[in-house]
Amino acid sequence: MNGPQDVGGMMGFGPVVPEPEAVRFHADWEKRVLAVTLAASATGVWTIDAMRFSRESLPPAMYYGSSYYRIWLEALTNRLIAEGMVTAEEVAAGASREPARSVPRVLRAEAVGPALAAGTRYAREPSAPARFSVNEAVRMRVINLPTHTRLPRYVRGKVGTVERAHGVFVLPDTNAHGLGEDPQWLYTIRFGGTELWGVEADPTLSVSVDAWESYLEPVT
């Protein structure tokens, strides 16, 4: 999706100002948003890719005018309503009005630490050899779908070189929409600065992007 989150290579957004590594939150409500999002996502009603799609589907004015955790809150609210876990009326009232929906699992407080430490495995066993080899030139497909994708706009149609083949992983594009995992080979592709930004770009610049196999085309 060409959503507001895909700002790579765009201008006019000002400098990126790093914050101290120890700064995690700017207000107590942000901690609660993170906790509720983790708890709701741990139910297994949706995937991590579905939640990412909920965030990138927010209207641009809201997205650009919101803080990081405000984006998370708006996306979580929309996802909860879409999945029938709450109603819009309950959100407006700030109180439950309907019986709670049953969920596949519940993340207990004592299990949060171990669950976060363990993470979630998205690697899968290959069913076919990798189509592309390290040092091979590849062209990124030009796609402009209204659904989820991890292929940045600024590399679409550009030619890069395979730096590494990581193995086979769940494809976010299908996983976000309940269409199955469709595991594919994942590669790191390196692009020269002039390929991405034109002849006026710094010729010593390079950018590496992780890309699934269906994003790639052979250079002929």
N, C-alpha and C. Protein backbone atom coordinates (compact mmCIF):
# COMPACT_ATOMS: atom_id res chain seq x y z
N MET A 1 0.84 -1.19 0.00
CA MET A 1 0.00 0.00 0.00
C MET A 1 0.88 1.24 0.00
N ASN A 2 0.51 2.23 -0.82
CA ASN A 2 1.23 3.50 -0.84
C ASN A 2 0.68 4.41 0.26
N GLY A 3 0.88 3.98 1.50
CA GLY A 3 0.31 4.69 2.62
C GLY A 3 1.23 5.79 3.14
N PRO A 4 0.77 6.52 4.16
CA PRO A 4 1.55 7.65 4.68
C PRO A 4 2.83 7.22 5.37
N GLN A 5 2.94 5.93 5.70
CA GLN A 5 4.15 5.45 6.38
C GLN A 5 5.33 5.32 5.43
N ASP A 6 5.06 5.28 4.13
CA ASP A 6 6.11 5.01 3.13
C ASP A 6 6.72 6.34 2.67
N VAL A 7 7.61 6.91 3.49
CA VAL A 7 8.16 8.23 3.21
C VAL A 7 9.63 8.18 2.78
N GLY A 8 10.16 6.99 2.56
CA GLY A 8 11.56 6.88 2.15
C GLY A 8 11.83 7.67 0.88
N GLY A 9 12.83 8.52 0.91
CA GLY A 9 13.20 9.30 -0.26
C GLY A 9 12.39 10.55 -0.47
N MET A 10 11.36 10.78 0.35
CA MET A 10 10.55 11.98 0.20
C MET A 10 11.20 13.15 0.92
N MET A 11 10.86 14.35 0.51
CA MET A 11 11.45 15.56 1.07
C MET A 11 10.40 16.40 1.80
N GLY A 12 10.89 17.33 2.63
CA GLY A 12 10.00 18.28 3.27
C GLY A 12 9.50 17.88 4.64
N PHE A 13 9.99 16.76 5.17
CA PHE A 13 9.55 16.31 6.49
C PHE A 13 10.49 16.74 7.60
N GLY A 14 11.53 17.48 7.26
CA GLY A 14 12.46 17.95 8.28
C GLY A 14 13.47 16.89 8.66
N PRO A 15 14.40 17.25 9.52
CA PRO A 15 15.46 16.31 9.92
C PRO A 15 14.94 15.24 10.86
N VAL A 16 15.64 14.10 10.88
CA VAL A 16 15.38 13.06 11.87
C VAL A 16 16.21 13.40 13.09
N VAL A 17 15.54 13.62 14.20
CA VAL A 17 16.23 14.02 15.43
C VAL A 17 16.24 12.83 16.39
N PRO A 18 17.37 12.16 16.53
CA PRO A 18 17.44 11.00 17.45
C PRO A 18 17.22 11.43 18.89
N GLU A 19 16.57 10.55 19.65
CA GLU A 19 16.40 10.77 21.07
C GLU A 19 17.33 9.84 21.84
N PRO A 20 17.64 10.15 23.10
CA PRO A 20 18.46 9.23 23.90
C PRO A 20 17.86 7.84 23.92
N GLU A 21 18.70 6.83 23.87
CA GLU A 21 18.23 5.45 23.80
C GLU A 21 17.35 5.08 24.99
N ALA A 22 17.58 5.72 26.12
CA ALA A 22 16.81 5.39 27.32
C ALA A 22 15.39 5.93 27.28
N VAL A 23 15.09 6.85 26.37
CA VAL A 23 13.75 7.43 26.30
C VAL A 23 12.83 6.48 25.55
N ARG A 24 11.86 5.94 26.22
CA ARG A 24 10.92 5.01 25.60
C ARG A 24 9.53 5.63 25.47
N PHE A 25 9.14 6.42 26.44
CA PHE A 25 7.80 6.98 26.48
C PHE A 25 7.89 8.45 26.88
N HIS A 26 6.88 9.22 26.44
CA HIS A 26 6.81 10.62 26.80
C HIS A 26 5.64 10.92 27.73
N ALA A 27 4.79 9.92 27.97
CA ALA A 27 3.65 10.08 28.87
C ALA A 27 3.20 8.69 29.31
N ASP A 28 2.54 8.62 30.46
CA ASP A 28 2.11 7.33 30.99
C ASP A 28 1.11 6.64 30.07
N TRP A 29 0.27 7.41 29.37
CA TRP A 29 -0.73 6.77 28.51
C TRP A 29 -0.08 5.99 27.38
N GLU A 30 1.13 6.39 26.98
CA GLU A 30 1.81 5.65 25.92
C GLU A 30 2.18 4.25 26.39
N LYS A 31 2.56 4.12 27.66
CA LYS A 31 2.86 2.80 28.21
C LYS A 31 1.63 1.90 28.15
N ARG A 32 0.48 2.49 28.44
CA ARG A 32 -0.76 1.70 28.44
C ARG A 32 -1.14 1.28 27.02
N VAL A 33 -0.92 2.17 26.05
CA VAL A 33 -1.22 1.82 24.67
C VAL A 33 -0.36 0.64 24.22
N LEU A 34 0.93 0.67 24.56
CA LEU A 34 1.81 -0.44 24.21
C LEU A 34 1.34 -1.73 24.86
N ALA A 35 0.99 -1.66 26.15
CA ALA A 35 0.56 -2.86 26.87
C ALA A 35 -0.72 -3.44 26.29
N VAL A 36 -1.70 -2.57 26.02
CA VAL A 36 -2.98 -3.06 25.48
C VAL A 36 -2.78 -3.63 24.07
N THR A 37 -1.94 -2.99 23.26
CA THR A 37 -1.68 -3.50 21.92
C THR A 37 -1.04 -4.88 21.97
N LEU A 38 -0.05 -5.06 22.84
CA LEU A 38 0.59 -6.37 22.98
C LEU A 38 -0.40 -7.42 23.45
N ALA A 39 -1.22 -7.06 24.44
CA ALA A 39 -2.19 -8.02 24.97
C ALA A 39 -3.23 -8.39 23.91
N ALA A 40 -3.72 -7.39 23.17
CA ALA A 40 -4.73 -7.66 22.15
C ALA A 40 -4.15 -8.48 21.00
N SER A 41 -2.92 -8.17 20.61
CA SER A 41 -2.29 -8.90 19.51
C SER A 41 -1.98 -10.34 19.90
N ALA A 42 -1.68 -10.55 21.19
CA ALA A 42 -1.34 -11.89 21.67
C ALA A 42 -2.54 -12.83 21.66
N THR A 43 -3.75 -12.30 21.49
CA THR A 43 -4.93 -13.18 21.42
C THR A 43 -4.91 -14.07 20.19
N GLY A 44 -4.17 -13.66 19.14
CA GLY A 44 -4.11 -14.45 17.93
C GLY A 44 -5.26 -14.19 16.98
N VAL A 45 -6.07 -13.16 17.24
CA VAL A 45 -7.18 -12.84 16.35
C VAL A 45 -6.66 -12.27 15.03
N TRP A 46 -5.53 -11.56 15.07
CA TRP A 46 -4.92 -11.02 13.85
C TRP A 46 -3.42 -11.25 13.90
N THR A 47 -2.75 -10.97 12.79
CA THR A 47 -1.31 -11.15 12.70
C THR A 47 -0.59 -9.81 12.86
N ILE A 48 0.70 -9.85 13.06
CA ILE A 48 1.49 -8.63 13.15
C ILE A 48 1.40 -7.83 11.86
N ASP A 49 1.27 -8.51 10.73
CA ASP A 49 1.17 -7.81 9.45
C ASP A 49 -0.18 -7.12 9.31
N ALA A 50 -1.23 -7.73 9.85
CA ALA A 50 -2.55 -7.08 9.83
C ALA A 50 -2.53 -5.80 10.64
N MET A 51 -1.83 -5.82 11.78
CA MET A 51 -1.76 -4.61 12.60
C MET A 51 -0.94 -3.53 11.91
N ARG A 52 0.13 -3.92 11.24
CA ARG A 52 0.90 -2.94 10.47
C ARG A 52 0.02 -2.30 9.39
N PHE A 53 -0.79 -3.11 8.74
CA PHE A 53 -1.67 -2.57 7.71
C PHE A 53 -2.69 -1.61 8.31
N SER A 54 -3.15 -1.89 9.53
CA SER A 54 -4.08 -0.98 10.20
C SER A 54 -3.43 0.38 10.45
N ARG A 55 -2.15 0.38 10.78
CA ARG A 55 -1.46 1.66 11.01
C ARG A 55 -1.24 2.41 9.70
N GLU A 56 -0.83 1.72 8.66
CA GLU A 56 -0.54 2.42 7.41
C GLU A 56 -1.81 2.81 6.67
N SER A 57 -2.95 2.30 7.10
CA SER A 57 -4.23 2.65 6.47
C SER A 57 -4.87 3.90 7.06
N LEU A 58 -4.26 4.46 8.10
CA LEU A 58 -4.81 5.68 8.69
C LEU A 58 -4.75 6.83 7.68
N PRO A 59 -5.69 7.77 7.74
CA PRO A 59 -5.65 8.93 6.84
C PRO A 59 -4.33 9.68 7.01
N PRO A 60 -3.73 10.16 5.91
CA PRO A 60 -2.43 10.84 6.02
C PRO A 60 -2.42 12.00 7.00
N ALA A 61 -3.48 12.82 7.03
CA ALA A 61 -3.49 13.96 7.94
C ALA A 61 -3.41 13.50 9.39
N MET A 62 -4.12 12.42 9.71
CA MET A 62 -4.06 11.88 11.06
C MET A 62 -2.69 11.29 11.34
N TYR A 63 -2.16 10.54 10.38
CA TYR A 63 -0.88 9.86 10.57
C TYR A 63 0.24 10.88 10.81
N TYR A 64 0.33 11.88 9.94
CA TYR A 64 1.42 12.85 10.05
C TYR A 64 1.23 13.79 11.23
N GLY A 65 0.00 13.96 11.68
CA GLY A 65 -0.26 14.86 12.79
C GLY A 65 -0.30 14.19 14.14
N SER A 66 0.07 12.91 14.19
CA SER A 66 -0.03 12.15 15.43
C SER A 66 1.34 11.70 15.91
N SER A 67 1.45 11.51 17.21
CA SER A 67 2.67 10.94 17.78
C SER A 67 2.69 9.44 17.50
N TYR A 68 3.83 8.83 17.78
CA TYR A 68 4.02 7.40 17.50
C TYR A 68 2.93 6.55 18.14
N TYR A 69 2.70 6.73 19.43
CA TYR A 69 1.73 5.89 20.12
C TYR A 69 0.29 6.32 19.88
N ARG A 70 0.07 7.53 19.43
CA ARG A 70 -1.29 7.89 19.00
C ARG A 70 -1.64 7.10 17.74
N ILE A 71 -0.67 6.91 16.86
CA ILE A 71 -0.88 6.09 15.67
C ILE A 71 -1.22 4.66 16.08
N TRP A 72 -0.49 4.14 17.05
CA TRP A 72 -0.78 2.79 17.54
C TRP A 72 -2.19 2.70 18.11
N LEU A 73 -2.59 3.71 18.87
CA LEU A 73 -3.91 3.70 19.49
C LEU A 73 -5.02 3.73 18.45
N GLU A 74 -4.90 4.61 17.46
CA GLU A 74 -5.93 4.71 16.43
C GLU A 74 -6.03 3.41 15.64
N ALA A 75 -4.88 2.83 15.31
CA ALA A 75 -4.88 1.58 14.54
C ALA A 75 -5.48 0.43 15.34
N LEU A 76 -5.13 0.36 16.63
CA LEU A 76 -5.67 -0.71 17.47
C LEU A 76 -7.18 -0.57 17.61
N THR A 77 -7.65 0.65 17.81
CA THR A 77 -9.09 0.87 17.93
C THR A 77 -9.81 0.41 16.66
N ASN A 78 -9.29 0.78 15.51
CA ASN A 78 -9.90 0.37 14.24
C ASN A 78 -9.89 -1.14 14.08
N ARG A 79 -8.79 -1.78 14.47
CA ARG A 79 -8.69 -3.23 14.33
C ARG A 79 -9.65 -3.93 15.27
N LEU A 80 -9.77 -3.46 16.50
CA LEU A 80 -10.70 -4.07 17.45
C LEU A 80 -12.14 -3.98 16.96
N ILE A 81 -12.50 -2.85 16.39
CA ILE A 81 -13.85 -2.69 15.85
C ILE A 81 -14.05 -3.60 14.64
N ALA A 82 -13.07 -3.65 13.76
CA ALA A 82 -13.19 -4.46 12.55
C ALA A 82 -13.33 -5.95 12.88
N GLU A 83 -12.68 -6.38 13.95
CA GLU A 83 -12.73 -7.80 14.32
C GLU A 83 -13.91 -8.13 15.22
N GLY A 84 -14.74 -7.13 15.53
CA GLY A 84 -15.91 -7.38 16.36
C GLY A 84 -15.59 -7.59 17.83
N MET A 85 -14.42 -7.12 18.28
CA MET A 85 -14.05 -7.29 19.68
C MET A 85 -14.60 -6.15 20.55
N VAL A 86 -14.84 -5.00 19.94
CA VAL A 86 -15.54 -3.90 20.59
C VAL A 86 -16.43 -3.25 19.53
N THR A 87 -17.32 -2.39 19.95
CA THR A 87 -18.13 -1.64 19.01
C THR A 87 -17.72 -0.17 19.04
N ALA A 88 -18.08 0.54 18.00
CA ALA A 88 -17.79 1.98 17.96
C ALA A 88 -18.48 2.70 19.11
N GLU A 89 -19.66 2.22 19.48
CA GLU A 89 -20.41 2.83 20.58
C GLU A 89 -19.66 2.61 21.91
N GLU A 90 -19.08 1.45 22.09
CA GLU A 90 -18.33 1.18 23.31
C GLU A 90 -17.09 2.07 23.40
N VAL A 91 -16.43 2.25 22.25
CA VAL A 91 -15.25 3.12 22.22
C VAL A 91 -15.65 4.54 22.60
N ALA A 92 -16.75 5.02 22.02
CA ALA A 92 -17.21 6.38 22.31
C ALA A 92 -17.59 6.55 23.78
N ALA A 93 -18.20 5.50 24.34
CA ALA A 93 -18.65 5.57 25.73
C ALA A 93 -17.53 5.28 26.72
N GLY A 94 -16.48 4.61 26.25
CA GLY A 94 -15.40 4.22 27.16
C GLY A 94 -15.81 3.15 28.14
N ALA A 95 -16.77 2.31 27.74
CA ALA A 95 -17.26 1.27 28.64
C ALA A 95 -17.82 0.11 27.81
N SER A 96 -17.75 -1.10 28.37
CA SER A 96 -18.29 -2.27 27.69
C SER A 96 -19.81 -2.25 27.70
N ARG A 97 -20.41 -2.63 26.58
CA ARG A 97 -21.87 -2.71 26.47
C ARG A 97 -22.33 -4.09 26.02
N GLU A 98 -21.38 -4.87 25.46
CA GLU A 98 -21.71 -6.19 24.94
C GLU A 98 -20.86 -7.24 25.65
N PRO A 99 -21.31 -8.50 25.66
CA PRO A 99 -20.49 -9.58 26.25
C PRO A 99 -19.15 -9.67 25.51
N ALA A 100 -18.11 -9.98 26.26
CA ALA A 100 -16.77 -10.08 25.67
C ALA A 100 -16.71 -11.24 24.68
N ARG A 101 -16.02 -11.02 23.58
CA ARG A 101 -15.83 -12.08 22.60
C ARG A 101 -14.74 -13.03 23.09
N SER A 102 -14.95 -14.34 22.88
CA SER A 102 -13.92 -15.31 23.24
C SER A 102 -12.75 -15.20 22.25
N VAL A 103 -11.55 -15.43 22.74
CA VAL A 103 -10.35 -15.31 21.91
C VAL A 103 -9.54 -16.59 22.03
N PRO A 104 -8.68 -16.88 21.04
CA PRO A 104 -7.91 -18.13 21.06
C PRO A 104 -6.98 -18.26 22.26
N ARG A 105 -6.41 -17.16 22.73
CA ARG A 105 -5.49 -17.25 23.87
C ARG A 105 -5.43 -15.90 24.58
N VAL A 106 -4.94 -15.95 25.82
CA VAL A 106 -4.81 -14.75 26.65
C VAL A 106 -3.37 -14.69 27.16
N LEU A 107 -2.75 -13.52 27.05
CA LEU A 107 -1.39 -13.33 27.54
C LEU A 107 -1.46 -12.85 28.99
N ARG A 108 -1.10 -13.71 29.91
CA ARG A 108 -1.10 -13.36 31.33
C ARG A 108 0.11 -12.48 31.66
N ALA A 109 -0.04 -11.68 32.70
CA ALA A 109 1.02 -10.74 33.08
C ALA A 109 2.35 -11.44 33.30
N GLU A 110 2.32 -12.60 33.97
CA GLU A 110 3.56 -13.29 34.28
C GLU A 110 4.23 -13.89 33.04
N ALA A 111 3.49 -13.97 31.93
CA ALA A 111 4.05 -14.57 30.72
C ALA A 111 4.57 -13.54 29.73
N VAL A 112 4.40 -12.25 30.03
CA VAL A 112 4.78 -11.21 29.08
C VAL A 112 6.28 -11.23 28.80
N GLY A 113 7.09 -11.24 29.86
CA GLY A 113 8.54 -11.23 29.69
C GLY A 113 9.04 -12.40 28.87
N PRO A 114 8.72 -13.63 29.26
CA PRO A 114 9.16 -14.79 28.47
C PRO A 114 8.65 -14.77 27.03
N ALA A 115 7.41 -14.30 26.82
CA ALA A 115 6.85 -14.27 25.47
C ALA A 115 7.61 -13.28 24.59
N LEU A 116 7.92 -12.11 25.12
CA LEU A 116 8.65 -11.11 24.35
C LEU A 116 10.08 -11.58 24.09
N ALA A 117 10.68 -12.25 25.05
CA ALA A 117 12.04 -12.75 24.88
C ALA A 117 12.10 -13.85 23.82
N ALA A 118 11.05 -14.68 23.78
CA ALA A 118 11.03 -15.78 22.81
C ALA A 118 10.75 -15.29 21.41
N GLY A 119 9.96 -14.22 21.27
CA GLY A 119 9.60 -13.72 19.96
C GLY A 119 8.70 -14.69 19.21
N THR A 120 8.51 -14.43 17.94
CA THR A 120 7.69 -15.29 17.08
C THR A 120 8.50 -15.67 15.85
N ARG A 121 8.55 -16.94 15.55
CA ARG A 121 9.33 -17.41 14.41
C ARG A 121 8.51 -17.27 13.12
N TYR A 122 9.09 -16.57 12.16
CA TYR A 122 8.46 -16.44 10.84
C TYR A 122 9.25 -17.15 9.76
N ALA A 123 10.36 -17.82 10.14
CA ALA A 123 11.13 -18.60 9.18
C ALA A 123 10.40 -19.91 8.88
N ARG A 124 10.46 -20.35 7.63
CA ARG A 124 9.83 -21.59 7.22
C ARG A 124 10.81 -22.42 6.39
N GLU A 125 10.56 -23.71 6.29
CA GLU A 125 11.43 -24.58 5.51
C GLU A 125 11.23 -24.32 4.01
N PRO A 126 12.31 -24.24 3.23
CA PRO A 126 12.17 -24.00 1.78
C PRO A 126 11.47 -25.17 1.10
N SER A 127 10.62 -24.84 0.14
CA SER A 127 10.00 -25.86 -0.69
C SER A 127 10.61 -25.88 -2.09
N ALA A 128 11.49 -24.91 -2.36
CA ALA A 128 12.17 -24.80 -3.65
C ALA A 128 13.46 -24.02 -3.44
N PRO A 129 14.45 -24.20 -4.30
CA PRO A 129 15.69 -23.42 -4.16
C PRO A 129 15.46 -21.95 -4.45
N ALA A 130 16.36 -21.11 -3.97
CA ALA A 130 16.27 -19.68 -4.24
C ALA A 130 16.39 -19.42 -5.74
N ARG A 131 15.56 -18.53 -6.24
CA ARG A 131 15.56 -18.21 -7.67
C ARG A 131 16.74 -17.32 -8.04
N PHE A 132 17.20 -16.49 -7.10
CA PHE A 132 18.24 -15.52 -7.38
C PHE A 132 19.47 -15.81 -6.53
N SER A 133 20.65 -15.45 -7.06
CA SER A 133 21.91 -15.74 -6.41
C SER A 133 22.59 -14.47 -5.93
N VAL A 134 23.47 -14.62 -4.94
CA VAL A 134 24.26 -13.49 -4.45
C VAL A 134 25.09 -12.91 -5.60
N ASN A 135 25.13 -11.58 -5.67
CA ASN A 135 25.82 -10.79 -6.71
C ASN A 135 25.05 -10.71 -8.03
N GLU A 136 23.88 -11.30 -8.09
CA GLU A 136 23.06 -11.22 -9.31
C GLU A 136 22.29 -9.90 -9.34
N ALA A 137 22.21 -9.29 -10.50
CA ALA A 137 21.43 -8.07 -10.67
C ALA A 137 19.95 -8.42 -10.80
N VAL A 138 19.10 -7.66 -10.10
CA VAL A 138 17.66 -7.89 -10.14
C VAL A 138 16.95 -6.55 -10.24
N ARG A 139 15.76 -6.58 -10.80
CA ARG A 139 14.93 -5.39 -10.87
C ARG A 139 13.73 -5.57 -9.94
N MET A 140 13.40 -4.52 -9.21
CA MET A 140 12.25 -4.57 -8.33
C MET A 140 10.98 -4.34 -9.13
N ARG A 141 9.97 -5.11 -8.85
CA ARG A 141 8.70 -4.95 -9.56
C ARG A 141 8.05 -3.62 -9.22
N VAL A 142 7.25 -3.12 -10.13
CA VAL A 142 6.46 -1.92 -9.89
C VAL A 142 5.06 -2.37 -9.50
N ILE A 143 4.71 -2.18 -8.24
CA ILE A 143 3.40 -2.59 -7.74
C ILE A 143 2.77 -1.42 -6.99
N ASN A 144 1.48 -1.24 -7.19
CA ASN A 144 0.75 -0.16 -6.52
C ASN A 144 -0.64 -0.69 -6.13
N LEU A 145 -0.64 -1.58 -5.15
CA LEU A 145 -1.87 -2.22 -4.71
C LEU A 145 -2.41 -1.54 -3.46
N PRO A 146 -3.71 -1.62 -3.21
CA PRO A 146 -4.29 -1.03 -2.00
C PRO A 146 -4.09 -1.90 -0.77
N THR A 147 -3.41 -3.03 -0.93
CA THR A 147 -3.19 -3.97 0.17
C THR A 147 -1.78 -3.79 0.73
N HIS A 148 -1.45 -4.59 1.72
CA HIS A 148 -0.18 -4.45 2.43
C HIS A 148 1.00 -4.95 1.60
N THR A 149 2.10 -4.23 1.67
CA THR A 149 3.37 -4.70 1.09
C THR A 149 4.51 -4.09 1.87
N ARG A 150 5.64 -4.79 1.85
CA ARG A 150 6.86 -4.28 2.49
C ARG A 150 7.85 -3.75 1.46
N LEU A 151 7.41 -3.58 0.22
CA LEU A 151 8.28 -3.08 -0.84
C LEU A 151 8.18 -1.56 -0.90
N PRO A 152 9.24 -0.83 -0.52
CA PRO A 152 9.17 0.64 -0.52
C PRO A 152 8.99 1.20 -1.92
N ARG A 153 8.28 2.32 -2.00
CA ARG A 153 8.04 2.94 -3.30
C ARG A 153 9.33 3.35 -4.00
N TYR A 154 10.30 3.85 -3.24
CA TYR A 154 11.46 4.45 -3.88
C TYR A 154 12.38 3.44 -4.56
N VAL A 155 12.17 2.13 -4.34
CA VAL A 155 12.99 1.14 -5.04
C VAL A 155 12.24 0.45 -6.17
N ARG A 156 10.96 0.71 -6.32
CA ARG A 156 10.18 0.01 -7.34
C ARG A 156 10.67 0.40 -8.74
N GLY A 157 10.92 -0.60 -9.55
CA GLY A 157 11.43 -0.39 -10.90
C GLY A 157 12.93 -0.19 -10.97
N LYS A 158 13.60 -0.18 -9.83
CA LYS A 158 15.05 0.06 -9.78
C LYS A 158 15.82 -1.25 -9.83
N VAL A 159 17.06 -1.17 -10.31
CA VAL A 159 17.93 -2.34 -10.41
C VAL A 159 18.92 -2.33 -9.26
N GLY A 160 19.03 -3.46 -8.58
CA GLY A 160 19.99 -3.62 -7.49
C GLY A 160 20.71 -4.94 -7.60
N THR A 161 21.52 -5.23 -6.60
CA THR A 161 22.32 -6.45 -6.58
C THR A 161 22.01 -7.25 -5.33
N VAL A 162 21.85 -8.56 -5.50
CA VAL A 162 21.57 -9.42 -4.36
C VAL A 162 22.81 -9.48 -3.46
N GLU A 163 22.64 -9.03 -2.23
CA GLU A 163 23.72 -9.08 -1.24
C GLU A 163 23.69 -10.38 -0.46
N ARG A 164 22.48 -10.85 -0.16
CA ARG A 164 22.36 -12.02 0.71
C ARG A 164 21.00 -12.68 0.53
N ALA A 165 20.97 -14.00 0.62
CA ALA A 165 19.71 -14.75 0.67
C ALA A 165 19.54 -15.26 2.10
N HIS A 166 18.48 -14.83 2.77
CA HIS A 166 18.31 -15.09 4.20
C HIS A 166 17.64 -16.43 4.49
N GLY A 167 16.93 -16.99 3.52
CA GLY A 167 16.10 -18.15 3.78
C GLY A 167 14.65 -17.82 3.44
N VAL A 168 13.75 -18.69 3.87
CA VAL A 168 12.33 -18.55 3.53
C VAL A 168 11.56 -18.04 4.75
N PHE A 169 10.71 -17.02 4.50
CA PHE A 169 9.94 -16.39 5.57
C PHE A 169 8.51 -16.12 5.11
N VAL A 170 7.61 -16.00 6.07
CA VAL A 170 6.21 -15.67 5.80
C VAL A 170 6.13 -14.37 4.99
N LEU A 171 5.29 -14.35 3.96
CA LEU A 171 5.11 -13.16 3.13
C LEU A 171 4.10 -12.22 3.79
N PRO A 172 4.50 -11.03 4.19
CA PRO A 172 3.58 -10.11 4.86
C PRO A 172 2.38 -9.71 4.00
N ASP A 173 2.58 -9.64 2.69
CA ASP A 173 1.53 -9.17 1.79
C ASP A 173 0.27 -10.01 1.88
N THR A 174 0.41 -11.32 2.01
CA THR A 174 -0.76 -12.19 2.15
C THR A 174 -1.16 -12.38 3.61
N ASN A 175 -0.15 -12.46 4.48
CA ASN A 175 -0.41 -12.71 5.89
C ASN A 175 -1.23 -11.60 6.53
N ALA A 176 -1.11 -10.38 6.01
CA ALA A 176 -1.84 -9.24 6.57
C ALA A 176 -3.34 -9.33 6.32
N HIS A 177 -3.75 -10.12 5.33
CA HIS A 177 -5.14 -10.11 4.90
C HIS A 177 -5.81 -11.48 5.01
N GLY A 178 -5.23 -12.36 5.82
CA GLY A 178 -5.83 -13.67 6.02
C GLY A 178 -5.78 -14.56 4.80
N LEU A 179 -4.81 -14.35 3.93
CA LEU A 179 -4.70 -15.11 2.69
C LEU A 179 -3.62 -16.19 2.75
N GLY A 180 -3.16 -16.49 3.95
CA GLY A 180 -2.16 -17.52 4.12
C GLY A 180 -0.76 -16.96 4.22
N GLU A 181 0.17 -17.80 4.62
CA GLU A 181 1.54 -17.35 4.86
C GLU A 181 2.35 -17.21 3.58
N ASP A 182 2.10 -18.04 2.58
CA ASP A 182 2.81 -17.99 1.29
C ASP A 182 4.31 -17.76 1.50
N PRO A 183 5.00 -18.64 2.20
CA PRO A 183 6.42 -18.41 2.50
C PRO A 183 7.26 -18.27 1.23
N GLN A 184 8.19 -17.32 1.25
CA GLN A 184 9.05 -17.05 0.11
C GLN A 184 10.48 -16.76 0.57
N TRP A 185 11.41 -16.91 -0.36
CA TRP A 185 12.79 -16.52 -0.09
C TRP A 185 12.86 -15.01 0.15
N LEU A 186 13.69 -14.65 1.12
CA LEU A 186 13.91 -13.25 1.47
C LEU A 186 15.37 -12.90 1.17
N TYR A 187 15.55 -11.78 0.49
CA TYR A 187 16.89 -11.34 0.08
C TYR A 187 17.18 -9.94 0.60
N THR A 188 18.46 -9.63 0.74
CA THR A 188 18.88 -8.24 0.91
C THR A 188 19.40 -7.76 -0.44
N ILE A 189 18.83 -6.65 -0.91
CA ILE A 189 19.19 -6.08 -2.22
C ILE A 189 19.87 -4.74 -1.99
N ARG A 190 21.03 -4.54 -2.61
CA ARG A 190 21.77 -3.28 -2.47
C ARG A 190 21.59 -2.43 -3.73
N PHE A 191 21.29 -1.16 -3.51
CA PHE A 191 21.09 -0.21 -4.62
C PHE A 191 22.13 0.91 -4.51
N GLY A 192 22.66 1.32 -5.65
CA GLY A 192 23.53 2.47 -5.67
C GLY A 192 22.73 3.76 -5.55
N GLY A 193 23.35 4.79 -4.99
CA GLY A 193 22.65 6.05 -4.79
C GLY A 193 22.16 6.66 -6.08
N THR A 194 22.96 6.61 -7.15
CA THR A 194 22.54 7.22 -8.41
C THR A 194 21.41 6.44 -9.07
N GLU A 195 21.32 5.14 -8.80
CA GLU A 195 20.20 4.35 -9.33
C GLU A 195 18.88 4.80 -8.70
N LEU A 196 18.93 5.12 -7.42
CA LEU A 196 17.71 5.52 -6.72
C LEU A 196 17.38 6.99 -6.92
N TRP A 197 18.40 7.86 -6.85
CA TRP A 197 18.14 9.29 -6.76
C TRP A 197 18.62 10.10 -7.98
N GLY A 198 19.23 9.41 -8.96
CA GLY A 198 19.65 10.12 -10.16
C GLY A 198 21.10 10.55 -10.13
N VAL A 199 21.53 11.21 -11.20
CA VAL A 199 22.95 11.54 -11.39
C VAL A 199 23.46 12.54 -10.37
N GLU A 200 22.58 13.28 -9.73
CA GLU A 200 23.02 14.27 -8.75
C GLU A 200 23.22 13.66 -7.35
N ALA A 201 22.91 12.40 -7.20
CA ALA A 201 23.05 11.75 -5.90
C ALA A 201 24.52 11.47 -5.61
N ASP A 202 24.83 11.28 -4.34
CA ASP A 202 26.17 10.92 -3.90
C ASP A 202 26.54 9.55 -4.47
N PRO A 203 27.56 9.46 -5.33
CA PRO A 203 27.89 8.17 -5.95
C PRO A 203 28.45 7.15 -4.97
N THR A 204 28.85 7.60 -3.78
CA THR A 204 29.37 6.66 -2.78
C THR A 204 28.26 6.09 -1.91
N LEU A 205 27.04 6.60 -2.07
CA LEU A 205 25.91 6.15 -1.26
C LEU A 205 25.36 4.83 -1.78
N SER A 206 24.99 3.94 -0.85
CA SER A 206 24.24 2.73 -1.20
C SER A 206 23.18 2.48 -0.15
N VAL A 207 22.10 1.86 -0.58
CA VAL A 207 20.97 1.55 0.31
C VAL A 207 20.64 0.07 0.15
N SER A 208 20.48 -0.63 1.25
CA SER A 208 20.11 -2.05 1.21
C SER A 208 18.69 -2.23 1.73
N VAL A 209 17.93 -3.05 1.03
CA VAL A 209 16.51 -3.28 1.34
C VAL A 209 16.26 -4.78 1.37
N ASP A 210 15.55 -5.25 2.39
CA ASP A 210 15.14 -6.66 2.43
C ASP A 210 13.87 -6.82 1.59
N ALA A 211 13.87 -7.82 0.71
CA ALA A 211 12.76 -7.96 -0.24
C ALA A 211 12.46 -9.43 -0.48
N TRP A 212 11.16 -9.76 -0.50
CA TRP A 212 10.73 -11.13 -0.78
C TRP A 212 10.84 -11.42 -2.28
N GLU A 213 10.91 -12.71 -2.60
CA GLU A 213 11.21 -13.13 -3.98
C GLU A 213 10.19 -12.61 -4.99
N SER A 214 8.93 -12.54 -4.60
CA SER A 214 7.90 -12.08 -5.54
C SER A 214 8.04 -10.59 -5.86
N TYR A 215 8.88 -9.87 -5.13
CA TYR A 215 9.14 -8.47 -5.44
C TYR A 215 10.17 -8.31 -6.55
N LEU A 216 10.88 -9.39 -6.89
CA LEU A 216 12.04 -9.29 -7.77
C LEU A 216 11.76 -9.82 -9.17
N GLU A 217 12.45 -9.25 -10.13
CA GLU A 217 12.42 -9.72 -11.51
C GLU A 217 13.85 -9.85 -12.00
N PRO A 218 14.12 -10.82 -12.89
CA PRO A 218 15.46 -10.89 -13.47
C PRO A 218 15.72 -9.73 -14.40
N VAL A 219 16.95 -9.31 -14.49
CA VAL A 219 17.34 -8.25 -15.43
C VAL A 219 17.71 -8.92 -16.74
N THR A 220 17.00 -8.58 -17.78
CA THR A 220 17.26 -9.21 -19.08
C THR A 220 17.80 -8.20 -20.08
